All heavy atoms as atom14 arrays in JSON, in Angstrom:
{
  "sequence": "GTVKVGFDLACAALAVLCALVFVGHLAGVREGTVVCAALTGVVVNGY",
  "atom14_mask": [
    [1, 1, 1, 1, 0, 0, 0, 0, 0, 0, 0, 0, 0, 0],
    [1, 1, 1, 1, 1, 1, 1, 0, 0, 0, 0, 0, 0, 0],
    [1, 1, 1, 1, 1, 1, 1, 0, 0, 0, 0, 0, 0, 0],
    [1, 1, 1, 1, 1, 1, 1, 1, 1, 0, 0, 0, 0, 0],
    [1, 1, 1, 1, 1, 1, 1, 0, 0, 0, 0, 0, 0, 0],
    [1, 1, 1, 1, 0, 0, 0, 0, 0, 0, 0, 0, 0, 0],
    [1, 1, 1, 1, 1, 1, 1, 1, 1, 1, 1, 0, 0, 0],
    [1, 1, 1, 1, 1, 1, 1, 1, 0, 0, 0, 0, 0, 0],
    [1, 1, 1, 1, 1, 1, 1, 1, 0, 0, 0, 0, 0, 0],
    [1, 1, 1, 1, 1, 0, 0, 0, 0, 0, 0, 0, 0, 0],
    [1, 1, 1, 1, 1, 1, 0, 0, 0, 0, 0, 0, 0, 0],
    [1, 1, 1, 1, 1, 0, 0, 0, 0, 0, 0, 0, 0, 0],
    [1, 1, 1, 1, 1, 0, 0, 0, 0, 0, 0, 0, 0, 0],
    [1, 1, 1, 1, 1, 1, 1, 1, 0, 0, 0, 0, 0, 0],
    [1, 1, 1, 1, 1, 0, 0, 0, 0, 0, 0, 0, 0, 0],
    [1, 1, 1, 1, 1, 1, 1, 0, 0, 0, 0, 0, 0, 0],
    [1, 1, 1, 1, 1, 1, 1, 1, 0, 0, 0, 0, 0, 0],
    [1, 1, 1, 1, 1, 1, 0, 0, 0, 0, 0, 0, 0, 0],
    [1, 1, 1, 1, 1, 0, 0, 0, 0, 0, 0, 0, 0, 0],
    [1, 1, 1, 1, 1, 1, 1, 1, 0, 0, 0, 0, 0, 0],
    [1, 1, 1, 1, 1, 1, 1, 0, 0, 0, 0, 0, 0, 0],
    [1, 1, 1, 1, 1, 1, 1, 1, 1, 1, 1, 0, 0, 0],
    [1, 1, 1, 1, 1, 1, 1, 0, 0, 0, 0, 0, 0, 0],
    [1, 1, 1, 1, 0, 0, 0, 0, 0, 0, 0, 0, 0, 0],
    [1, 1, 1, 1, 1, 1, 1, 1, 1, 1, 0, 0, 0, 0],
    [1, 1, 1, 1, 1, 1, 1, 1, 0, 0, 0, 0, 0, 0],
    [1, 1, 1, 1, 1, 0, 0, 0, 0, 0, 0, 0, 0, 0],
    [1, 1, 1, 1, 0, 0, 0, 0, 0, 0, 0, 0, 0, 0],
    [1, 1, 1, 1, 1, 1, 1, 0, 0, 0, 0, 0, 0, 0],
    [1, 1, 1, 1, 1, 1, 1, 1, 1, 1, 1, 0, 0, 0],
    [1, 1, 1, 1, 1, 1, 1, 1, 1, 0, 0, 0, 0, 0],
    [1, 1, 1, 1, 0, 0, 0, 0, 0, 0, 0, 0, 0, 0],
    [1, 1, 1, 1, 1, 1, 1, 0, 0, 0, 0, 0, 0, 0],
    [1, 1, 1, 1, 1, 1, 1, 0, 0, 0, 0, 0, 0, 0],
    [1, 1, 1, 1, 1, 1, 1, 0, 0, 0, 0, 0, 0, 0],
    [1, 1, 1, 1, 1, 1, 0, 0, 0, 0, 0, 0, 0, 0],
    [1, 1, 1, 1, 1, 0, 0, 0, 0, 0, 0, 0, 0, 0],
    [1, 1, 1, 1, 1, 0, 0, 0, 0, 0, 0, 0, 0, 0],
    [1, 1, 1, 1, 1, 1, 1, 1, 0, 0, 0, 0, 0, 0],
    [1, 1, 1, 1, 1, 1, 1, 0, 0, 0, 0, 0, 0, 0],
    [1, 1, 1, 1, 0, 0, 0, 0, 0, 0, 0, 0, 0, 0],
    [1, 1, 1, 1, 1, 1, 1, 0, 0, 0, 0, 0, 0, 0],
    [1, 1, 1, 1, 1, 1, 1, 0, 0, 0, 0, 0, 0, 0],
    [1, 1, 1, 1, 1, 1, 1, 0, 0, 0, 0, 0, 0, 0],
    [1, 1, 1, 1, 1, 1, 1, 1, 0, 0, 0, 0, 0, 0],
    [1, 1, 1, 1, 0, 0, 0, 0, 0, 0, 0, 0, 0, 0],
    [1, 1, 1, 1, 1, 1, 1, 1, 1, 1, 1, 1, 0, 0]
  ],
  "atom14_positions": [
    [[-8.65, -28.8, -5.64], [-7.41, -28.08, -5.81], [-7.41, -27.06, -6.92], [-6.9, -26.02, -6.78], [0.0, 0.0, 0.0], [0.0, 0.0, 0.0], [0.0, 0.0, 0.0], [0.0, 0.0, 0.0], [0.0, 0.0, 0.0], [0.0, 0.0, 0.0], [0.0, 0.0, 0.0], [0.0, 0.0, 0.0], [0.0, 0.0, 0.0], [0.0, 0.0, 0.0]],
    [[-8.14, -27.39, -7.96], [-8.23, -26.54, -9.16], [-8.95, -25.24, -8.8], [-8.55, -24.13, -9.13], [-8.9, -27.24, -10.36], [-8.19, -28.37, -10.64], [-8.91, -26.33, -11.57], [0.0, 0.0, 0.0], [0.0, 0.0, 0.0], [0.0, 0.0, 0.0], [0.0, 0.0, 0.0], [0.0, 0.0, 0.0], [0.0, 0.0, 0.0], [0.0, 0.0, 0.0]],
    [[-10.17, -25.42, -8.19], [-10.96, -24.19, -7.82], [-10.23, -23.41, -6.72], [-10.31, -22.18, -6.7], [-12.33, -24.68, -7.29], [-13.16, -23.43, -6.86], [-13.04, -25.46, -8.36], [0.0, 0.0, 0.0], [0.0, 0.0, 0.0], [0.0, 0.0, 0.0], [0.0, 0.0, 0.0], [0.0, 0.0, 0.0], [0.0, 0.0, 0.0], [0.0, 0.0, 0.0]],
    [[-9.44, -24.07, -5.95], [-8.73, -23.33, -4.89], [-7.74, -22.36, -5.44], [-7.45, -21.3, -4.88], [-7.99, -24.25, -3.91], [-7.22, -23.55, -2.81], [-6.79, -24.48, -1.76], [-5.92, -23.72, -0.73], [-6.6, -22.55, -0.18], [0.0, 0.0, 0.0], [0.0, 0.0, 0.0], [0.0, 0.0, 0.0], [0.0, 0.0, 0.0], [0.0, 0.0, 0.0]],
    [[-7.13, -22.71, -6.61], [-6.21, -21.77, -7.28], [-6.94, -20.43, -7.61], [-6.43, -19.4, -7.28], [-5.61, -22.39, -8.52], [-4.82, -21.41, -9.32], [-4.75, -23.56, -8.22], [0.0, 0.0, 0.0], [0.0, 0.0, 0.0], [0.0, 0.0, 0.0], [0.0, 0.0, 0.0], [0.0, 0.0, 0.0], [0.0, 0.0, 0.0], [0.0, 0.0, 0.0]],
    [[-8.09, -20.52, -8.2], [-8.91, -19.38, -8.47], [-9.31, -18.59, -7.23], [-9.23, -17.33, -7.24], [0.0, 0.0, 0.0], [0.0, 0.0, 0.0], [0.0, 0.0, 0.0], [0.0, 0.0, 0.0], [0.0, 0.0, 0.0], [0.0, 0.0, 0.0], [0.0, 0.0, 0.0], [0.0, 0.0, 0.0], [0.0, 0.0, 0.0], [0.0, 0.0, 0.0]],
    [[-9.7, -19.3, -6.19], [-10.08, -18.66, -4.97], [-8.95, -17.94, -4.35], [-9.02, -16.76, -3.84], [-10.59, -19.77, -3.99], [-10.93, -19.25, -2.58], [-12.05, -18.53, -2.39], [-10.09, -19.55, -1.54], [-12.3, -18.01, -1.06], [-10.34, -19.05, -0.27], [-11.5, -18.33, -0.06], [0.0, 0.0, 0.0], [0.0, 0.0, 0.0], [0.0, 0.0, 0.0]],
    [[-7.77, -18.61, -4.35], [-6.52, -17.96, -3.78], [-6.12, -16.67, -4.54], [-5.71, -15.69, -4.01], [-5.33, -18.94, -3.78], [-5.51, -19.95, -2.68], [-6.38, -19.84, -1.82], [-4.74, -20.91, -2.69], [0.0, 0.0, 0.0], [0.0, 0.0, 0.0], [0.0, 0.0, 0.0], [0.0, 0.0, 0.0], [0.0, 0.0, 0.0], [0.0, 0.0, 0.0]],
    [[-6.29, -16.73, -5.88], [-5.93, -15.56, -6.7], [-6.89, -14.36, -6.36], [-6.48, -13.24, -6.32], [-6.0, -15.92, -8.17], [-4.9, -16.84, -8.66], [-5.2, -17.29, -10.16], [-3.56, -16.15, -8.63], [0.0, 0.0, 0.0], [0.0, 0.0, 0.0], [0.0, 0.0, 0.0], [0.0, 0.0, 0.0], [0.0, 0.0, 0.0], [0.0, 0.0, 0.0]],
    [[-8.16, -14.7, -6.18], [-9.12, -13.68, -5.78], [-8.76, -13.07, -4.41], [-8.87, -11.86, -4.22], [-10.54, -14.25, -5.78], [0.0, 0.0, 0.0], [0.0, 0.0, 0.0], [0.0, 0.0, 0.0], [0.0, 0.0, 0.0], [0.0, 0.0, 0.0], [0.0, 0.0, 0.0], [0.0, 0.0, 0.0], [0.0, 0.0, 0.0], [0.0, 0.0, 0.0]],
    [[-8.39, -13.91, -3.49], [-7.99, -13.5, -2.19], [-6.73, -12.59, -2.24], [-6.62, -11.53, -1.51], [-7.67, -14.61, -1.21], [-9.11, -15.57, -0.7], [0.0, 0.0, 0.0], [0.0, 0.0, 0.0], [0.0, 0.0, 0.0], [0.0, 0.0, 0.0], [0.0, 0.0, 0.0], [0.0, 0.0, 0.0], [0.0, 0.0, 0.0], [0.0, 0.0, 0.0]],
    [[-5.75, -12.96, -3.06], [-4.55, -12.13, -3.23], [-4.91, -10.76, -3.86], [-4.4, -9.76, -3.44], [-3.6, -12.79, -4.2], [0.0, 0.0, 0.0], [0.0, 0.0, 0.0], [0.0, 0.0, 0.0], [0.0, 0.0, 0.0], [0.0, 0.0, 0.0], [0.0, 0.0, 0.0], [0.0, 0.0, 0.0], [0.0, 0.0, 0.0], [0.0, 0.0, 0.0]],
    [[-5.85, -10.69, -4.82], [-6.25, -9.42, -5.37], [-6.91, -8.61, -4.33], [-6.65, -7.33, -4.31], [-7.24, -9.74, -6.51], [0.0, 0.0, 0.0], [0.0, 0.0, 0.0], [0.0, 0.0, 0.0], [0.0, 0.0, 0.0], [0.0, 0.0, 0.0], [0.0, 0.0, 0.0], [0.0, 0.0, 0.0], [0.0, 0.0, 0.0], [0.0, 0.0, 0.0]],
    [[-7.73, -9.08, -3.45], [-8.37, -8.36, -2.4], [-7.32, -7.87, -1.44], [-7.45, -6.69, -0.95], [-9.42, -9.25, -1.67], [-10.15, -8.57, -0.53], [-10.92, -7.35, -1.05], [-11.09, -9.59, 0.15], [0.0, 0.0, 0.0], [0.0, 0.0, 0.0], [0.0, 0.0, 0.0], [0.0, 0.0, 0.0], [0.0, 0.0, 0.0], [0.0, 0.0, 0.0]],
    [[-6.31, -8.65, -1.11], [-5.24, -8.17, -0.2], [-4.49, -7.01, -0.81], [-4.12, -6.09, -0.05], [-4.25, -9.37, 0.06], [0.0, 0.0, 0.0], [0.0, 0.0, 0.0], [0.0, 0.0, 0.0], [0.0, 0.0, 0.0], [0.0, 0.0, 0.0], [0.0, 0.0, 0.0], [0.0, 0.0, 0.0], [0.0, 0.0, 0.0], [0.0, 0.0, 0.0]],
    [[-4.25, -7.06, -2.07], [-3.55, -5.91, -2.74], [-4.42, -4.66, -2.58], [-3.87, -3.56, -2.24], [-3.4, -6.2, -4.29], [-2.94, -4.95, -4.99], [-2.34, -7.28, -4.5], [0.0, 0.0, 0.0], [0.0, 0.0, 0.0], [0.0, 0.0, 0.0], [0.0, 0.0, 0.0], [0.0, 0.0, 0.0], [0.0, 0.0, 0.0], [0.0, 0.0, 0.0]],
    [[-5.71, -4.77, -2.81], [-6.61, -3.59, -2.69], [-6.61, -3.06, -1.22], [-6.48, -1.84, -0.94], [-8.04, -3.99, -3.09], [-9.13, -2.89, -2.86], [-8.8, -1.72, -3.81], [-10.52, -3.48, -3.15], [0.0, 0.0, 0.0], [0.0, 0.0, 0.0], [0.0, 0.0, 0.0], [0.0, 0.0, 0.0], [0.0, 0.0, 0.0], [0.0, 0.0, 0.0]],
    [[-6.65, -3.95, -0.2], [-6.58, -3.56, 1.16], [-5.33, -2.89, 1.52], [-5.31, -1.92, 2.3], [-6.9, -4.74, 2.07], [-8.58, -5.37, 2.01], [0.0, 0.0, 0.0], [0.0, 0.0, 0.0], [0.0, 0.0, 0.0], [0.0, 0.0, 0.0], [0.0, 0.0, 0.0], [0.0, 0.0, 0.0], [0.0, 0.0, 0.0], [0.0, 0.0, 0.0]],
    [[-4.21, -3.44, 1.02], [-2.91, -2.89, 1.25], [-2.81, -1.38, 0.8], [-2.33, -0.51, 1.47], [-1.83, -3.71, 0.65], [0.0, 0.0, 0.0], [0.0, 0.0, 0.0], [0.0, 0.0, 0.0], [0.0, 0.0, 0.0], [0.0, 0.0, 0.0], [0.0, 0.0, 0.0], [0.0, 0.0, 0.0], [0.0, 0.0, 0.0], [0.0, 0.0, 0.0]],
    [[-3.28, -1.17, -0.45], [-3.24, 0.14, -1.02], [-4.16, 1.15, -0.29], [-3.79, 2.3, -0.09], [-3.69, 0.09, -2.56], [-2.75, -0.71, -3.43], [-3.29, -0.7, -4.83], [-1.33, -0.07, -3.49], [0.0, 0.0, 0.0], [0.0, 0.0, 0.0], [0.0, 0.0, 0.0], [0.0, 0.0, 0.0], [0.0, 0.0, 0.0], [0.0, 0.0, 0.0]],
    [[-5.29, 0.66, 0.21], [-6.24, 1.46, 0.93], [-5.82, 1.81, 2.37], [-5.82, 2.93, 2.8], [-7.66, 0.93, 0.83], [-8.62, 1.73, 1.73], [-8.15, 0.85, -0.57], [0.0, 0.0, 0.0], [0.0, 0.0, 0.0], [0.0, 0.0, 0.0], [0.0, 0.0, 0.0], [0.0, 0.0, 0.0], [0.0, 0.0, 0.0], [0.0, 0.0, 0.0]],
    [[-5.48, 0.74, 3.1], [-5.28, 0.91, 4.51], [-3.81, 1.06, 4.9], [-3.52, 1.55, 6.03], [-5.83, -0.31, 5.28], [-7.3, -0.48, 5.13], [-7.8, -1.51, 4.37], [-8.18, 0.5, 5.64], [-9.19, -1.65, 4.2], [-9.59, 0.31, 5.51], [-10.07, -0.71, 4.8], [0.0, 0.0, 0.0], [0.0, 0.0, 0.0], [0.0, 0.0, 0.0]],
    [[-2.84, 0.65, 4.07], [-1.39, 0.77, 4.48], [-0.74, 1.79, 3.57], [0.21, 2.47, 3.99], [-0.72, -0.58, 4.34], [0.73, -0.51, 4.76], [-1.45, -1.68, 5.13], [0.0, 0.0, 0.0], [0.0, 0.0, 0.0], [0.0, 0.0, 0.0], [0.0, 0.0, 0.0], [0.0, 0.0, 0.0], [0.0, 0.0, 0.0], [0.0, 0.0, 0.0]],
    [[-1.23, 1.94, 2.36], [-0.62, 2.91, 1.47], [0.39, 2.34, 0.43], [0.9, 3.09, -0.44], [0.0, 0.0, 0.0], [0.0, 0.0, 0.0], [0.0, 0.0, 0.0], [0.0, 0.0, 0.0], [0.0, 0.0, 0.0], [0.0, 0.0, 0.0], [0.0, 0.0, 0.0], [0.0, 0.0, 0.0], [0.0, 0.0, 0.0], [0.0, 0.0, 0.0]],
    [[0.69, 1.09, 0.66], [1.69, 0.43, -0.25], [1.4, -1.11, -0.17], [0.61, -1.5, 0.62], [3.12, 0.82, -0.01], [3.5, 0.42, 1.41], [4.12, -0.74, 1.7], [3.49, 1.12, 2.59], [4.35, -0.81, 2.99], [3.99, 0.33, 3.54], [0.0, 0.0, 0.0], [0.0, 0.0, 0.0], [0.0, 0.0, 0.0], [0.0, 0.0, 0.0]],
    [[2.15, -1.87, -1.02], [1.89, -3.27, -1.06], [2.52, -4.01, 0.03], [3.33, -4.98, -0.07], [2.39, -3.81, -2.37], [1.54, -3.38, -3.63], [2.15, -4.08, -4.92], [0.09, -3.79, -3.51], [0.0, 0.0, 0.0], [0.0, 0.0, 0.0], [0.0, 0.0, 0.0], [0.0, 0.0, 0.0], [0.0, 0.0, 0.0], [0.0, 0.0, 0.0]],
    [[2.25, -3.65, 1.31], [2.75, -4.33, 2.49], [2.05, -5.72, 2.61], [0.87, -5.81, 2.44], [2.5, -3.57, 3.72], [0.0, 0.0, 0.0], [0.0, 0.0, 0.0], [0.0, 0.0, 0.0], [0.0, 0.0, 0.0], [0.0, 0.0, 0.0], [0.0, 0.0, 0.0], [0.0, 0.0, 0.0], [0.0, 0.0, 0.0], [0.0, 0.0, 0.0]],
    [[2.87, -6.76, 2.83], [2.29, -8.07, 3.03], [1.91, -8.84, 1.73], [1.39, -9.9, 1.84], [0.0, 0.0, 0.0], [0.0, 0.0, 0.0], [0.0, 0.0, 0.0], [0.0, 0.0, 0.0], [0.0, 0.0, 0.0], [0.0, 0.0, 0.0], [0.0, 0.0, 0.0], [0.0, 0.0, 0.0], [0.0, 0.0, 0.0], [0.0, 0.0, 0.0]],
    [[2.12, -8.15, 0.6], [1.77, -8.8, -0.68], [3.01, -8.69, -1.56], [3.38, -7.58, -2.0], [0.59, -8.15, -1.36], [0.23, -8.82, -2.65], [-0.61, -8.07, -0.37], [0.0, 0.0, 0.0], [0.0, 0.0, 0.0], [0.0, 0.0, 0.0], [0.0, 0.0, 0.0], [0.0, 0.0, 0.0], [0.0, 0.0, 0.0], [0.0, 0.0, 0.0]],
    [[3.65, -9.85, -1.85], [4.84, -9.84, -2.66], [4.83, -11.02, -3.58], [3.79, -11.69, -3.79], [6.03, -9.89, -1.71], [6.37, -8.59, -0.97], [7.63, -8.68, -0.14], [8.8, -9.06, -1.01], [10.0, -9.33, -0.47], [10.21, -9.23, 0.89], [10.99, -9.75, -1.23], [0.0, 0.0, 0.0], [0.0, 0.0, 0.0], [0.0, 0.0, 0.0]],
    [[6.01, -11.35, -4.11], [6.08, -12.47, -5.1], [5.59, -13.78, -4.47], [5.12, -14.63, -5.15], [7.5, -12.56, -5.61], [8.62, -12.79, -4.63], [9.15, -11.53, -4.03], [8.47, -10.47, -3.95], [10.44, -11.55, -3.74], [0.0, 0.0, 0.0], [0.0, 0.0, 0.0], [0.0, 0.0, 0.0], [0.0, 0.0, 0.0], [0.0, 0.0, 0.0]],
    [[5.92, -13.97, -3.2], [5.49, -15.21, -2.48], [3.99, -15.35, -2.53], [3.53, -16.51, -2.52], [0.0, 0.0, 0.0], [0.0, 0.0, 0.0], [0.0, 0.0, 0.0], [0.0, 0.0, 0.0], [0.0, 0.0, 0.0], [0.0, 0.0, 0.0], [0.0, 0.0, 0.0], [0.0, 0.0, 0.0], [0.0, 0.0, 0.0], [0.0, 0.0, 0.0]],
    [[3.26, -14.28, -2.43], [1.77, -14.41, -2.43], [1.28, -15.03, -3.76], [0.42, -15.83, -3.81], [1.12, -13.0, -2.26], [1.62, -12.38, -1.06], [-0.4, -13.08, -2.22], [0.0, 0.0, 0.0], [0.0, 0.0, 0.0], [0.0, 0.0, 0.0], [0.0, 0.0, 0.0], [0.0, 0.0, 0.0], [0.0, 0.0, 0.0], [0.0, 0.0, 0.0]],
    [[1.87, -14.59, -4.85], [1.54, -15.09, -6.2], [1.87, -16.6, -6.31], [1.07, -17.42, -6.77], [2.21, -14.3, -7.27], [1.87, -14.87, -8.64], [1.81, -12.81, -7.21], [0.0, 0.0, 0.0], [0.0, 0.0, 0.0], [0.0, 0.0, 0.0], [0.0, 0.0, 0.0], [0.0, 0.0, 0.0], [0.0, 0.0, 0.0], [0.0, 0.0, 0.0]],
    [[3.02, -16.9, -5.74], [3.49, -18.34, -5.83], [2.55, -19.24, -5.01], [2.11, -20.29, -5.48], [4.97, -18.46, -5.29], [5.33, -19.92, -5.19], [5.9, -17.78, -6.28], [0.0, 0.0, 0.0], [0.0, 0.0, 0.0], [0.0, 0.0, 0.0], [0.0, 0.0, 0.0], [0.0, 0.0, 0.0], [0.0, 0.0, 0.0], [0.0, 0.0, 0.0]],
    [[2.16, -18.75, -3.85], [1.3, -19.54, -2.98], [-0.11, -19.65, -3.68], [-0.71, -20.69, -3.61], [1.16, -18.85, -1.59], [2.6, -19.16, -0.51], [0.0, 0.0, 0.0], [0.0, 0.0, 0.0], [0.0, 0.0, 0.0], [0.0, 0.0, 0.0], [0.0, 0.0, 0.0], [0.0, 0.0, 0.0], [0.0, 0.0, 0.0], [0.0, 0.0, 0.0]],
    [[-0.52, -18.53, -4.25], [-1.87, -18.54, -4.88], [-1.87, -19.52, -6.08], [-2.89, -20.28, -6.22], [-2.2, -17.16, -5.41], [0.0, 0.0, 0.0], [0.0, 0.0, 0.0], [0.0, 0.0, 0.0], [0.0, 0.0, 0.0], [0.0, 0.0, 0.0], [0.0, 0.0, 0.0], [0.0, 0.0, 0.0], [0.0, 0.0, 0.0], [0.0, 0.0, 0.0]],
    [[-0.75, -19.62, -6.8], [-0.72, -20.46, -8.02], [-0.45, -21.91, -7.65], [-0.86, -22.83, -8.36], [0.35, -19.98, -8.98], [0.0, 0.0, 0.0], [0.0, 0.0, 0.0], [0.0, 0.0, 0.0], [0.0, 0.0, 0.0], [0.0, 0.0, 0.0], [0.0, 0.0, 0.0], [0.0, 0.0, 0.0], [0.0, 0.0, 0.0], [0.0, 0.0, 0.0]],
    [[0.33, -22.2, -6.62], [0.78, -23.56, -6.36], [0.18, -24.27, -5.11], [0.3, -25.48, -5.1], [2.31, -23.48, -6.16], [3.16, -23.03, -7.44], [4.63, -23.11, -7.13], [2.76, -23.91, -8.6], [0.0, 0.0, 0.0], [0.0, 0.0, 0.0], [0.0, 0.0, 0.0], [0.0, 0.0, 0.0], [0.0, 0.0, 0.0], [0.0, 0.0, 0.0]],
    [[-0.37, -23.63, -4.17], [-0.92, -24.33, -3.02], [-1.98, -25.32, -3.43], [-2.04, -26.43, -2.96], [-1.51, -23.31, -1.98], [-0.49, -22.41, -1.52], [-2.06, -24.08, -0.8], [0.0, 0.0, 0.0], [0.0, 0.0, 0.0], [0.0, 0.0, 0.0], [0.0, 0.0, 0.0], [0.0, 0.0, 0.0], [0.0, 0.0, 0.0], [0.0, 0.0, 0.0]],
    [[-2.87, -24.9, -4.35], [-3.89, -25.88, -4.87], [-3.3, -27.04, -5.57], [-3.78, -28.13, -5.48], [0.0, 0.0, 0.0], [0.0, 0.0, 0.0], [0.0, 0.0, 0.0], [0.0, 0.0, 0.0], [0.0, 0.0, 0.0], [0.0, 0.0, 0.0], [0.0, 0.0, 0.0], [0.0, 0.0, 0.0], [0.0, 0.0, 0.0], [0.0, 0.0, 0.0]],
    [[-2.22, -26.74, -6.3], [-1.5, -27.86, -6.98], [-0.96, -28.87, -5.98], [-1.05, -30.06, -6.16], [-0.35, -27.29, -7.84], [0.41, -28.42, -8.54], [-0.99, -26.39, -8.97], [0.0, 0.0, 0.0], [0.0, 0.0, 0.0], [0.0, 0.0, 0.0], [0.0, 0.0, 0.0], [0.0, 0.0, 0.0], [0.0, 0.0, 0.0], [0.0, 0.0, 0.0]],
    [[-0.3, -28.27, -4.96], [0.21, -29.19, -3.87], [-0.89, -30.0, -3.18], [-0.75, -31.24, -2.88], [1.0, -28.35, -2.8], [1.52, -29.26, -1.72], [2.19, -27.69, -3.45], [0.0, 0.0, 0.0], [0.0, 0.0, 0.0], [0.0, 0.0, 0.0], [0.0, 0.0, 0.0], [0.0, 0.0, 0.0], [0.0, 0.0, 0.0], [0.0, 0.0, 0.0]],
    [[-2.06, -29.34, -2.93], [-3.21, -30.02, -2.43], [-3.64, -31.14, -3.29], [-3.87, -32.3, -2.86], [-4.36, -29.09, -2.12], [-5.67, -29.78, -1.91], [-4.09, -28.06, -1.05], [0.0, 0.0, 0.0], [0.0, 0.0, 0.0], [0.0, 0.0, 0.0], [0.0, 0.0, 0.0], [0.0, 0.0, 0.0], [0.0, 0.0, 0.0], [0.0, 0.0, 0.0]],
    [[-3.71, -30.91, -4.64], [-4.04, -32.02, -5.55], [-3.04, -33.14, -5.44], [-3.45, -34.33, -5.5], [-4.1, -31.5, -6.96], [-5.43, -30.75, -7.29], [-6.41, -30.96, -6.62], [-5.39, -30.0, -8.35], [0.0, 0.0, 0.0], [0.0, 0.0, 0.0], [0.0, 0.0, 0.0], [0.0, 0.0, 0.0], [0.0, 0.0, 0.0], [0.0, 0.0, 0.0]],
    [[-1.76, -32.8, -5.31], [-0.83, -33.88, -5.21], [-0.96, -34.69, -3.97], [-0.89, -35.92, -4.01], [0.0, 0.0, 0.0], [0.0, 0.0, 0.0], [0.0, 0.0, 0.0], [0.0, 0.0, 0.0], [0.0, 0.0, 0.0], [0.0, 0.0, 0.0], [0.0, 0.0, 0.0], [0.0, 0.0, 0.0], [0.0, 0.0, 0.0], [0.0, 0.0, 0.0]],
    [[-1.17, -34.02, -2.8], [-1.46, -34.68, -1.55], [-2.67, -35.61, -1.64], [-2.69, -36.75, -1.22], [-1.66, -33.72, -0.41], [-0.31, -33.12, 0.11], [-0.35, -31.87, 0.8], [0.89, -33.77, -0.04], [0.78, -31.32, 1.32], [2.05, -33.18, 0.51], [1.97, -31.95, 1.18], [3.13, -31.41, 1.69], [0.0, 0.0, 0.0], [0.0, 0.0, 0.0]]
  ]
}
């Protein structure tokens, strides 16, 4: 779960880059992306 948090943050950063390059703005990347990146691994650890 701990490593997953770092992996998710890296995936979120890549999504931001792709949004800027291919869409022109932060489409599909919002505050929920950060929350999921930070907490999904924590929830996995809890489960």
